[in-house]
Amino acid sequence: MPKMLWNVLRNLLSSPVTVRYPYVKSDPVDGTRGRISFDMNACDQCQDCERICPPAAIKVYPDEKRIEYDPFRCIYCHLCVENCMQKAILAEEVVRSPEYEKVKEVFEEGQ
């Protein structure tokens, strides 16, 4: 019991270990899989990313030269980044912040 009391007092008088999120944002850890974006100038609309995506978060419209990406469906496995032969999918270390509305991102040629 005295050992537990010492631990309780020490924790009450020390500073918190956790970060005060969202007031203080921490940096992402090295190797974090963050947001993906598409380079439409390099993309040849082959639909490999659409086929390889496990949750079907990417939809390619080759006739319209348009890609729809649903970040809320994405599990950030980055299989699409690894398998894109044209290197048209860019992986960023920027972690998406929480959002209030589910919006699909649309990438069109010329962007």
Protein backbone atom coordinates (compact mmCIF):
# COMPACT_ATOMS: atom_id res chain seq x y z
CA MET A 1 0.00 0.00 0.00
CA PRO A 2 2.71 2.58 0.81
CA LYS A 3 4.39 1.80 -2.50
CA MET A 4 1.18 2.54 -4.37
CA LEU A 5 0.64 5.77 -2.41
CA TRP A 6 4.11 6.96 -3.39
CA ASN A 7 3.33 6.27 -7.05
CA VAL A 8 0.02 8.16 -6.85
CA LEU A 9 1.65 11.23 -5.25
CA ARG A 10 4.48 11.22 -7.78
CA ASN A 11 2.01 11.14 -10.69
CA LEU A 12 -0.13 13.91 -9.21
CA LEU A 13 2.81 16.27 -8.79
CA SER A 14 4.62 15.60 -12.06
CA SER A 15 3.86 17.01 -15.50
CA PRO A 16 1.67 14.97 -17.86
CA VAL A 17 3.35 12.48 -20.16
CA THR A 18 0.86 12.87 -23.00
CA VAL A 19 0.61 15.74 -25.48
CA ARG A 20 -2.28 18.18 -25.17
CA TYR A 21 -3.78 17.36 -28.57
CA PRO A 22 -5.32 19.30 -30.46
CA TYR A 23 -3.71 22.33 -28.83
CA VAL A 24 -0.20 20.93 -29.31
CA LYS A 25 0.33 18.73 -32.37
CA SER A 26 3.10 16.16 -32.34
CA ASP A 27 5.32 15.41 -35.32
CA PRO A 28 4.64 12.17 -37.20
CA VAL A 29 6.95 9.25 -36.51
CA ASP A 30 9.51 8.33 -39.18
CA GLY A 31 7.99 5.95 -41.72
CA THR A 32 4.43 7.18 -41.17
CA ARG A 33 2.21 6.47 -44.13
CA GLY A 34 0.43 9.70 -44.80
CA ARG A 35 -1.71 11.30 -47.45
CA ILE A 36 -1.41 10.26 -51.10
CA SER A 37 -1.75 12.47 -54.15
CA PHE A 38 -1.74 11.84 -57.88
CA ASP A 39 0.49 13.38 -60.53
CA MET A 40 -1.95 13.44 -63.43
CA ASN A 41 0.75 14.43 -65.92
CA ALA A 42 2.61 11.16 -65.24
CA CYS A 43 -0.50 8.97 -64.94
CA ASP A 44 -1.41 6.86 -67.98
CA GLN A 45 -4.83 5.73 -66.62
CA CYS A 46 -3.79 2.04 -66.52
CA GLN A 47 -6.07 1.33 -63.52
CA ASP A 48 -3.44 -0.73 -61.66
CA CYS A 49 -4.01 1.37 -58.54
CA GLU A 50 -7.74 0.70 -58.68
CA ARG A 51 -7.20 -3.06 -59.00
CA ILE A 52 -4.61 -3.29 -56.20
CA CYS A 53 -6.45 -1.11 -53.64
CA PRO A 54 -7.90 -3.43 -50.93
CA PRO A 55 -10.74 -1.13 -49.75
CA ALA A 56 -11.48 0.20 -53.28
CA ALA A 57 -10.71 3.78 -52.31
CA ILE A 58 -9.50 4.66 -55.82
CA LYS A 59 -11.76 4.84 -58.85
CA VAL A 60 -10.20 5.57 -62.25
CA TYR A 61 -12.24 6.93 -65.17
CA PRO A 62 -9.87 6.56 -68.17
CA ASP A 63 -12.30 8.01 -70.72
CA GLU A 64 -12.64 11.22 -68.70
CA LYS A 65 -8.99 11.14 -67.54
CA ARG A 66 -10.15 11.52 -63.96
CA ILE A 67 -9.37 9.77 -60.67
CA GLU A 68 -11.60 9.80 -57.59
CA TYR A 69 -9.88 9.11 -54.30
CA ASP A 70 -11.83 8.49 -51.09
CA PRO A 71 -9.51 9.21 -48.14
CA PHE A 72 -12.08 7.96 -45.62
CA ARG A 73 -12.13 4.55 -47.27
CA CYS A 74 -8.33 4.37 -47.65
CA ILE A 75 -6.43 2.24 -45.11
CA TYR A 76 -3.09 3.90 -46.04
CA CYS A 77 -1.36 0.64 -46.94
CA HIS A 78 0.36 2.42 -49.86
CA LEU A 79 0.09 -0.62 -52.13
CA CYS A 80 -0.98 1.77 -54.89
CA VAL A 81 2.20 3.83 -54.41
CA GLU A 82 4.43 0.76 -54.52
CA ASN A 83 2.75 -0.75 -57.60
CA CYS A 84 2.42 2.34 -59.79
CA MET A 85 4.86 1.78 -62.66
CA GLN A 86 4.71 5.42 -63.77
CA LYS A 87 5.37 6.71 -60.21
CA ALA A 88 2.30 8.90 -60.60
CA ILE A 89 1.09 8.34 -57.03
CA LEU A 90 3.00 10.37 -54.48
CA ALA A 91 3.23 9.39 -50.83
CA GLU A 92 3.50 12.26 -48.38
CA GLU A 93 4.39 12.10 -44.70
CA VAL A 94 1.62 14.58 -43.93
CA VAL A 95 -1.01 12.97 -41.73
CA ARG A 96 -4.56 13.97 -42.52
CA SER A 97 -6.27 16.03 -39.87
CA PRO A 98 -9.78 15.07 -38.74
CA GLU A 99 -12.56 16.39 -40.94
CA TYR A 100 -16.28 16.89 -40.46
CA GLU A 101 -17.51 15.92 -43.91
CA LYS A 102 -16.66 12.90 -46.04
CA VAL A 103 -15.43 14.39 -49.28
CA LYS A 104 -13.88 12.51 -52.19
CA GLU A 105 -10.85 14.07 -53.79
CA VAL A 106 -10.99 14.37 -57.58
CA PHE A 107 -7.83 14.54 -59.68
CA GLU A 108 -8.19 15.52 -63.33
CA GLU A 109 -5.67 15.88 -66.12
CA GLY A 110 -4.05 19.27 -66.15
CA GLN A 111 -3.84 19.58 -62.37
